[in-house]
Amino acid sequence: MRKKSALITIFILLILFKIPAQAAGQTLHAREDGSFRILIVADTQDTEKPRQPMLDLLNAELDSADADLVVLLGDNIYGPYIGDDEDKVRAAIDAIMAPIAERGLPFVVAYGNHDDEKCLSKEVQLEIYKSYPGCLNDNPDISGVGNTCLSLCDADSEDARALLWVIDSGTYAPKDIGGYGYVEEDQIEWLKEGVAKYSSETMPVSYVFQHIPVRQVFSLLSPAKPFEKGSISSIFNPFSKRYLQNTDMISAGSFGETPAPPKIDTGEFQAFKECGVKAAFFGHDHTNDYVGTVEGIDLIATSGMGFYAYGNGDEHGARILVLHTDRPEEYETEMVYYKDLFDKPLSIFSLSHTGVGLLRVFAGVIGGIVLITILIILVSFKTTP
């Protein structure tokens, strides 16, 4: 009798373990028709005195998106200019958060390489974001800050149909590696463990949101000859290696610049394949807005919104993503640009391509060259017999 009871207990436990446990983070519910709308905002990247075109664009995007969730995709502020003055950091964050909070929208934040660069830590910034109603960020005890998994369910259910993974992709790699940051191994394990909570019959579809892209975006490109027509290069170095787009792999959008992923591959893309990731969304490269597919996974870039840094004229914008809980493996996405929302052209003072920050750098370099030239001339006059 005891043996039979033990078998029954084991059977019940096995059934319980097959119940789809919710991943870490909060639960979101779709609309009655099963749809769920996300506004993805990348690289607002401004200071405590933000550019008015960015604020105008952010408000217009929020008004037109009819969003159920806002995802801030990193480089939300420009740390190097703001510094560690907490009042300035709060003002910079408030500039982008106030329009979201005023509309009562839930939001989640990813971090980029500039958010805490020479600035307050991401931990301190996360507490500032959490002071606004609607912040859904979690912060598990793994590398990075604000890593979050949100479960998307039907309107009247608690069973996850999709998982939304918001991942801190780091800032800069150690000096012996160089280049940009990357997703660490323990974050990848966190992703795998979160998915492993579900049985194969109830496995949700996963979508990933992070700032720095994975190295596999280069699969969407092929090497080009120097200055070959239609080729792209680094936005900062036109003499760098050039690439052509593999148009048969890109279903929408394009590359405006060579992407800048980390120099090493920590296995994140392989984890995407193992964990049922349908699409991954990136910021970081301000003039890229491609939708491409690599080994069955969609890799998607969102144009930068900010006018403090460089951009692409009236193609600054944000991305709309629409998910469906009745068919979670399908989605629709499109970029909504400044030119789609405003009839008036951008003012020349908005510096819509170069950006205020880069203009200051250029002005400093030119000023330094002029100063050195003057000093050389003055010294030459003094030494002339």
Protein backbone atom coordinates (compact mmCIF):
# COMPACT_ATOMS: atom_id res chain seq x y z
CA MET A 1 0.00 0.00 0.00
CA ARG A 2 2.86 2.35 0.89
CA LYS A 3 4.58 1.50 -2.40
CA LYS A 4 1.38 2.35 -4.29
CA SER A 5 1.03 5.67 -2.41
CA ALA A 6 4.62 6.53 -3.20
CA LEU A 7 4.04 5.85 -6.89
CA ILE A 8 0.95 8.06 -6.85
CA THR A 9 2.95 10.84 -5.16
CA ILE A 10 5.71 10.60 -7.78
CA PHE A 11 3.09 10.65 -10.55
CA ILE A 12 1.50 13.82 -9.10
CA LEU A 13 4.89 15.49 -8.82
CA LEU A 14 5.70 14.67 -12.43
CA ILE A 15 2.42 16.25 -13.51
CA LEU A 16 3.12 19.33 -11.42
CA PHE A 17 6.56 19.76 -12.97
CA LYS A 18 4.94 19.75 -16.40
CA ILE A 19 2.80 22.74 -15.45
CA PRO A 20 4.34 25.74 -17.20
CA ALA A 21 6.07 27.67 -14.45
CA GLN A 22 6.36 31.38 -15.05
CA ALA A 23 9.86 32.66 -15.77
CA ALA A 24 11.35 35.34 -13.53
CA GLY A 25 9.77 38.73 -13.92
CA GLN A 26 6.23 39.96 -14.29
CA THR A 27 3.33 38.75 -16.37
CA LEU A 28 1.84 40.72 -19.23
CA HIS A 29 -1.54 40.09 -20.80
CA ALA A 30 -2.51 40.49 -24.43
CA ARG A 31 -5.60 42.30 -25.58
CA GLU A 32 -8.87 40.41 -26.05
CA ASP A 33 -7.97 39.78 -29.69
CA GLY A 34 -4.64 38.26 -28.64
CA SER A 35 -2.48 41.13 -29.90
CA PHE A 36 0.21 42.92 -27.92
CA ARG A 37 1.91 46.09 -29.19
CA ILE A 38 5.46 47.09 -28.22
CA LEU A 39 7.20 50.38 -29.00
CA ILE A 40 10.98 49.87 -29.19
CA VAL A 41 12.99 53.05 -28.60
CA ALA A 42 16.75 52.92 -29.18
CA ASP A 43 19.56 55.37 -28.55
CA THR A 44 17.76 58.46 -27.29
CA GLN A 45 21.28 59.12 -25.97
CA ASP A 46 20.90 62.70 -24.74
CA THR A 47 21.80 64.83 -21.74
CA GLU A 48 20.05 66.75 -18.96
CA LYS A 49 19.28 69.38 -21.61
CA PRO A 50 17.84 67.16 -24.36
CA ARG A 51 17.39 68.20 -28.00
CA GLN A 52 13.86 69.31 -28.76
CA PRO A 53 13.59 67.20 -31.96
CA MET A 54 14.20 64.06 -29.88
CA LEU A 55 11.49 65.04 -27.40
CA ASP A 56 9.09 65.89 -30.22
CA LEU A 57 9.80 62.57 -31.92
CA LEU A 58 9.46 60.54 -28.72
CA ASN A 59 6.10 62.11 -27.94
CA ALA A 60 4.86 61.60 -31.49
CA GLU A 61 5.97 57.95 -31.47
CA LEU A 62 4.19 57.35 -28.16
CA ASP A 63 1.01 59.00 -29.46
CA SER A 64 0.94 56.99 -32.69
CA ALA A 65 2.10 53.58 -31.42
CA ASP A 66 -0.93 52.58 -29.31
CA ALA A 67 1.60 50.55 -27.33
CA ASP A 68 1.01 48.12 -24.49
CA LEU A 69 4.70 48.19 -23.53
CA VAL A 70 7.69 50.46 -24.18
CA VAL A 71 11.16 48.91 -24.44
CA LEU A 72 14.08 51.31 -24.03
CA LEU A 73 16.86 49.57 -25.91
CA GLY A 74 19.94 51.18 -24.36
CA ASP A 75 22.08 54.30 -24.63
CA ASN A 76 19.09 55.99 -23.11
CA ILE A 77 21.32 58.80 -21.83
CA TYR A 78 24.83 59.93 -22.78
CA GLY A 79 26.87 59.26 -19.68
CA PRO A 80 30.23 60.75 -20.76
CA TYR A 81 28.76 64.25 -21.08
CA ILE A 82 26.49 64.07 -18.01
CA GLY A 83 29.08 62.69 -15.59
CA ASP A 84 28.32 61.49 -12.06
CA ASP A 85 26.14 64.44 -11.04
CA GLU A 86 23.00 62.67 -9.78
CA ASP A 87 20.75 65.67 -10.40
CA LYS A 88 21.86 65.81 -14.04
CA VAL A 89 21.42 62.06 -14.45
CA ARG A 90 17.92 62.27 -13.00
CA ALA A 91 17.08 65.16 -15.32
CA ALA A 92 18.33 63.25 -18.36
CA ILE A 93 16.34 60.15 -17.42
CA ASP A 94 13.27 62.23 -16.62
CA ALA A 95 13.35 63.77 -20.10
CA ILE A 96 12.64 60.38 -21.67
CA MET A 97 10.61 58.90 -18.83
CA ALA A 98 8.15 61.75 -18.26
CA PRO A 99 6.34 61.26 -21.62
CA ILE A 100 6.06 57.52 -20.93
CA ALA A 101 4.85 57.99 -17.35
CA GLU A 102 2.35 60.67 -18.36
CA ARG A 103 0.67 58.13 -20.65
CA GLY A 104 0.62 55.47 -17.94
CA LEU A 105 2.57 52.99 -20.06
CA PRO A 106 4.50 50.04 -18.61
CA PHE A 107 8.13 50.00 -19.67
CA VAL A 108 11.33 48.01 -19.37
CA VAL A 109 14.90 49.25 -19.75
CA ALA A 110 17.97 47.71 -21.36
CA TYR A 111 21.37 49.37 -20.99
CA GLY A 112 23.88 50.35 -23.66
CA ASN A 113 27.57 51.13 -23.62
CA HIS A 114 27.09 54.86 -22.98
CA ASP A 115 24.53 54.82 -20.14
CA ASP A 116 27.02 54.45 -17.30
CA GLU A 117 30.18 55.45 -19.17
CA LYS A 118 31.96 57.99 -16.89
CA CYS A 119 28.58 58.34 -15.19
CA LEU A 120 26.54 56.98 -12.28
CA SER A 121 26.35 53.20 -12.14
CA LYS A 122 23.60 51.25 -13.84
CA GLU A 123 22.47 50.07 -10.41
CA VAL A 124 21.82 53.66 -9.32
CA GLN A 125 20.16 54.42 -12.64
CA LEU A 126 17.90 51.38 -12.28
CA GLU A 127 16.61 52.74 -8.96
CA ILE A 128 15.80 56.00 -10.73
CA TYR A 129 13.88 54.16 -13.45
CA LYS A 130 12.04 52.14 -10.79
CA SER A 131 10.86 55.37 -9.18
CA TYR A 132 8.53 55.81 -12.17
CA PRO A 133 5.24 53.88 -12.23
CA GLY A 134 5.18 51.06 -14.72
CA CYS A 135 8.84 49.95 -14.51
CA LEU A 136 8.93 46.17 -15.06
CA ASN A 137 12.66 45.58 -14.69
CA ASP A 138 13.87 42.69 -12.63
CA ASN A 139 17.51 42.37 -11.55
CA PRO A 140 18.57 38.75 -10.98
CA ASP A 141 21.95 38.00 -9.42
CA ILE A 142 23.84 37.57 -12.69
CA SER A 143 26.17 39.73 -14.79
CA GLY A 144 24.75 43.04 -15.97
CA VAL A 145 21.97 45.11 -14.49
CA GLY A 146 18.23 45.00 -15.07
CA ASN A 147 18.11 41.65 -16.87
CA THR A 148 14.43 40.81 -17.12
CA CYS A 149 12.13 38.11 -18.42
CA LEU A 150 8.49 39.05 -19.00
CA SER A 151 5.83 36.42 -19.67
CA LEU A 152 3.20 37.32 -22.26
CA CYS A 153 -0.11 35.52 -21.73
CA ASP A 154 -3.58 35.53 -23.22
CA ALA A 155 -6.01 38.12 -21.88
CA ASP A 156 -7.65 35.61 -19.52
CA SER A 157 -4.81 33.18 -18.81
CA GLU A 158 -1.61 32.93 -16.78
CA ASP A 159 0.08 30.49 -19.17
CA ALA A 160 2.99 32.10 -21.00
CA ARG A 161 2.69 32.15 -24.78
CA ALA A 162 5.82 34.23 -25.33
CA LEU A 163 8.82 35.25 -23.24
CA LEU A 164 10.33 38.70 -23.62
CA TRP A 165 14.00 38.68 -22.57
CA VAL A 166 15.57 42.08 -21.86
CA ILE A 167 19.33 41.60 -21.51
CA ASP A 168 22.16 43.90 -20.49
CA SER A 169 24.73 43.43 -23.28
CA GLY A 170 27.50 45.20 -21.38
CA THR A 171 29.55 48.31 -22.01
CA TYR A 172 33.13 47.69 -23.17
CA ALA A 173 35.18 44.51 -23.18
CA PRO A 174 38.35 44.18 -21.06
CA LYS A 175 41.42 45.80 -22.60
CA ASP A 176 43.00 42.46 -23.55
CA ILE A 177 39.94 41.77 -25.74
CA GLY A 178 38.98 45.27 -26.80
CA GLY A 179 35.84 46.54 -28.46
CA TYR A 180 32.32 46.54 -27.12
CA GLY A 181 30.76 44.54 -24.32
CA TYR A 182 28.97 41.22 -24.65
CA VAL A 183 26.47 38.99 -22.92
CA GLU A 184 28.25 36.89 -20.29
CA GLU A 185 28.04 33.13 -19.84
CA ASP A 186 25.95 33.34 -16.66
CA GLN A 187 23.38 35.48 -18.48
CA ILE A 188 23.20 32.84 -21.20
CA GLU A 189 22.67 30.17 -18.53
CA TRP A 190 19.90 32.31 -17.04
CA LEU A 191 18.21 32.35 -20.44
CA LYS A 192 18.56 28.58 -20.82
CA GLU A 193 17.31 27.89 -17.30
CA GLY A 194 14.32 30.15 -17.81
CA VAL A 195 13.28 28.27 -20.91
CA ALA A 196 13.97 24.89 -19.31
CA LYS A 197 11.14 25.52 -16.83
CA TYR A 198 8.67 24.68 -19.58
CA SER A 199 7.89 21.31 -21.07
CA SER A 200 8.25 20.81 -24.82
CA GLU A 201 4.46 20.86 -25.16
CA THR A 202 4.09 24.24 -23.46
CA MET A 203 7.31 25.92 -24.63
CA PRO A 204 6.70 29.66 -25.22
CA VAL A 205 8.32 31.51 -28.12
CA SER A 206 11.15 33.78 -27.00
CA TYR A 207 11.98 37.32 -28.15
CA VAL A 208 15.21 39.04 -27.08
CA PHE A 209 15.88 42.76 -26.62
CA GLN A 210 19.41 44.09 -26.03
CA HIS A 211 21.58 47.00 -27.08
CA ILE A 212 24.69 45.51 -28.71
CA PRO A 213 24.06 43.03 -31.54
CA VAL A 214 25.46 39.52 -31.76
CA ARG A 215 28.37 38.86 -34.13
CA GLN A 216 26.12 36.81 -36.42
CA VAL A 217 24.75 40.03 -37.96
CA PHE A 218 27.84 39.89 -40.18
CA SER A 219 26.21 36.89 -41.89
CA LEU A 220 23.89 39.46 -43.47
CA LEU A 221 26.92 41.09 -45.14
CA SER A 222 29.64 40.18 -47.62
CA PRO A 223 33.08 41.80 -48.07
CA ALA A 224 33.19 44.57 -50.68
CA LYS A 225 35.93 46.24 -52.66
CA PRO A 226 37.19 49.66 -51.48
CA PHE A 227 34.43 52.21 -52.08
CA GLU A 228 32.41 49.72 -54.14
CA LYS A 229 29.02 51.14 -55.12
CA GLY A 230 26.36 50.33 -52.54
CA SER A 231 28.90 49.26 -49.92
CA ILE A 232 28.96 50.42 -46.30
CA SER A 233 31.73 51.12 -43.82
CA SER A 234 32.12 52.32 -40.26
CA ILE A 235 30.32 55.62 -39.74
CA PHE A 236 33.48 56.92 -38.04
CA ASN A 237 36.03 55.67 -40.57
CA PRO A 238 35.14 55.66 -44.28
CA PHE A 239 38.48 53.95 -45.01
CA SER A 240 37.63 50.91 -42.86
CA LYS A 241 36.68 47.52 -44.28
CA ARG A 242 33.60 47.76 -46.49
CA TYR A 243 30.65 45.40 -46.91
CA LEU A 244 27.75 44.72 -49.24
CA GLN A 245 24.34 43.69 -47.94
CA ASN A 246 23.13 40.16 -48.68
CA THR A 247 19.74 41.32 -49.92
CA ASP A 248 18.39 37.76 -50.19
CA MET A 249 18.71 37.49 -46.38
CA ILE A 250 17.23 40.92 -45.56
CA SER A 251 13.45 41.23 -45.73
CA ALA A 252 13.14 44.89 -44.73
CA GLY A 253 15.27 47.93 -43.92
CA SER A 254 18.99 48.17 -44.55
CA PHE A 255 22.46 48.77 -43.13
CA GLY A 256 23.54 52.42 -43.04
CA GLU A 257 26.84 51.53 -41.39
CA THR A 258 28.99 48.54 -40.51
CA PRO A 259 27.58 46.97 -37.33
CA ALA A 260 29.67 47.09 -34.16
CA PRO A 261 29.13 43.84 -32.23
CA PRO A 262 31.64 42.53 -29.68
CA LYS A 263 34.89 41.03 -30.91
CA ILE A 264 34.18 37.66 -29.29
CA ASP A 265 31.27 35.24 -29.44
CA THR A 266 30.25 33.99 -25.99
CA GLY A 267 27.69 31.55 -27.40
CA GLU A 268 24.61 33.73 -27.14
CA PHE A 269 23.42 33.09 -30.70
CA GLN A 270 23.80 29.34 -30.20
CA ALA A 271 21.65 29.71 -27.08
CA PHE A 272 19.07 31.54 -29.19
CA LYS A 273 18.82 28.46 -31.39
CA GLU A 274 18.55 26.12 -28.41
CA CYS A 275 15.97 28.24 -26.56
CA GLY A 276 13.41 28.83 -29.29
CA VAL A 277 14.23 32.49 -29.88
CA LYS A 278 12.24 33.75 -32.85
CA ALA A 279 13.76 37.24 -33.12
CA ALA A 280 16.33 39.43 -31.41
CA PHE A 281 16.14 43.23 -31.46
CA PHE A 282 19.17 45.52 -31.21
CA GLY A 283 20.06 49.22 -31.09
CA HIS A 284 23.64 50.58 -30.95
CA ASP A 285 24.19 51.19 -34.68
CA HIS A 286 22.14 54.35 -35.18
CA THR A 287 21.69 54.23 -38.96
CA ASN A 288 20.78 50.53 -39.22
CA ASP A 289 17.17 49.35 -39.45
CA TYR A 290 17.52 45.94 -41.12
CA VAL A 291 15.36 42.87 -40.61
CA GLY A 292 17.44 39.84 -41.57
CA THR A 293 17.32 36.10 -40.94
CA VAL A 294 20.33 33.99 -39.95
CA GLU A 295 19.89 30.25 -39.37
CA GLY A 296 16.18 30.69 -38.79
CA ILE A 297 16.49 33.54 -36.27
CA ASP A 298 15.47 37.07 -37.17
CA LEU A 299 18.05 39.72 -36.28
CA ILE A 300 16.52 43.20 -36.23
CA ALA A 301 17.99 46.68 -35.80
CA THR A 302 16.20 49.82 -34.65
CA SER A 303 17.30 53.26 -35.84
CA GLY A 304 18.52 55.72 -33.24
CA MET A 305 16.09 58.34 -31.98
CA GLY A 306 18.49 60.84 -30.44
CA PHE A 307 19.85 63.98 -32.08
CA TYR A 308 22.74 64.49 -29.67
CA ALA A 309 24.61 61.63 -31.33
CA TYR A 310 24.84 60.85 -35.04
CA GLY A 311 21.83 59.61 -36.98
CA ASN A 312 20.23 59.38 -40.37
CA GLY A 313 18.34 62.64 -40.95
CA ASP A 314 14.58 62.26 -41.04
CA GLU A 315 14.95 58.48 -40.60
CA HIS A 316 15.48 58.85 -36.87
CA GLY A 317 12.65 56.80 -35.42
CA ALA A 318 11.34 53.92 -33.34
CA ARG A 319 10.13 50.41 -34.08
CA ILE A 320 6.67 48.92 -33.62
CA LEU A 321 6.46 45.22 -32.79
CA VAL A 322 3.12 43.40 -32.70
CA LEU A 323 2.91 39.94 -31.13
CA HIS A 324 -0.06 37.53 -31.12
CA THR A 325 -0.68 35.05 -28.31
CA ASP A 326 -2.78 32.78 -30.56
CA ARG A 327 0.22 32.45 -32.92
CA PRO A 328 3.26 33.58 -30.89
CA GLU A 329 5.77 32.46 -33.53
CA GLU A 330 4.41 35.16 -35.87
CA TYR A 331 4.87 38.91 -35.49
CA GLU A 332 4.73 42.15 -37.44
CA THR A 333 7.28 44.92 -37.16
CA GLU A 334 7.93 48.23 -38.87
CA MET A 335 10.00 51.35 -38.37
CA VAL A 336 8.16 54.62 -37.87
CA TYR A 337 10.40 57.53 -38.84
CA TYR A 338 10.42 61.25 -38.22
CA LYS A 339 9.40 61.73 -41.85
CA ASP A 340 6.30 59.58 -41.25
CA LEU A 341 5.10 61.68 -38.32
CA PHE A 342 6.02 65.26 -39.23
CA ASP A 343 5.30 67.34 -42.31
CA LYS A 344 7.83 69.97 -41.32
CA PRO A 345 11.46 69.27 -42.31
CA LEU A 346 14.08 69.02 -39.62
CA SER A 347 15.76 72.28 -38.76
CA ILE A 348 19.40 72.63 -39.75
CA PHE A 349 20.08 73.30 -36.05
CA SER A 350 18.92 69.79 -35.13
CA LEU A 351 22.15 68.43 -36.69
CA SER A 352 20.23 65.34 -37.74
CA HIS A 353 23.23 63.51 -39.20
CA THR A 354 26.30 64.63 -37.29
CA GLY A 355 24.73 65.23 -33.89
CA VAL A 356 25.60 67.84 -31.30
CA GLY A 357 28.04 65.60 -29.45
CA LEU A 358 30.09 64.72 -32.53
CA LEU A 359 30.06 68.33 -33.67
CA ARG A 360 31.67 69.29 -30.36
CA VAL A 361 34.35 66.66 -30.90
CA PHE A 362 35.01 67.87 -34.45
CA ALA A 363 35.08 71.48 -33.26
CA GLY A 364 37.56 70.54 -30.54
CA VAL A 365 39.82 68.74 -33.01
CA ILE A 366 39.70 71.61 -35.52
CA GLY A 367 40.25 74.13 -32.73
CA GLY A 368 43.25 72.15 -31.53
CA ILE A 369 44.74 72.02 -35.04
CA VAL A 370 44.24 75.78 -35.45
CA LEU A 371 45.82 76.47 -32.06
CA ILE A 372 48.84 74.29 -32.82
CA THR A 373 49.23 75.97 -36.21
CA ILE A 374 49.18 79.42 -34.62
CA LEU A 375 51.74 78.34 -32.01
CA ILE A 376 54.02 76.95 -34.73
CA ILE A 377 53.75 80.23 -36.68
CA LEU A 378 54.48 82.31 -33.57
CA VAL A 379 57.48 80.16 -32.66
CA SER A 380 58.79 80.35 -36.22
CA PHE A 381 58.56 84.18 -36.16
CA LYS A 382 60.45 84.34 -32.85
CA THR A 383 63.23 82.08 -34.11
CA THR A 384 63.57 83.85 -37.47
CA PRO A 385 66.85 85.93 -37.51
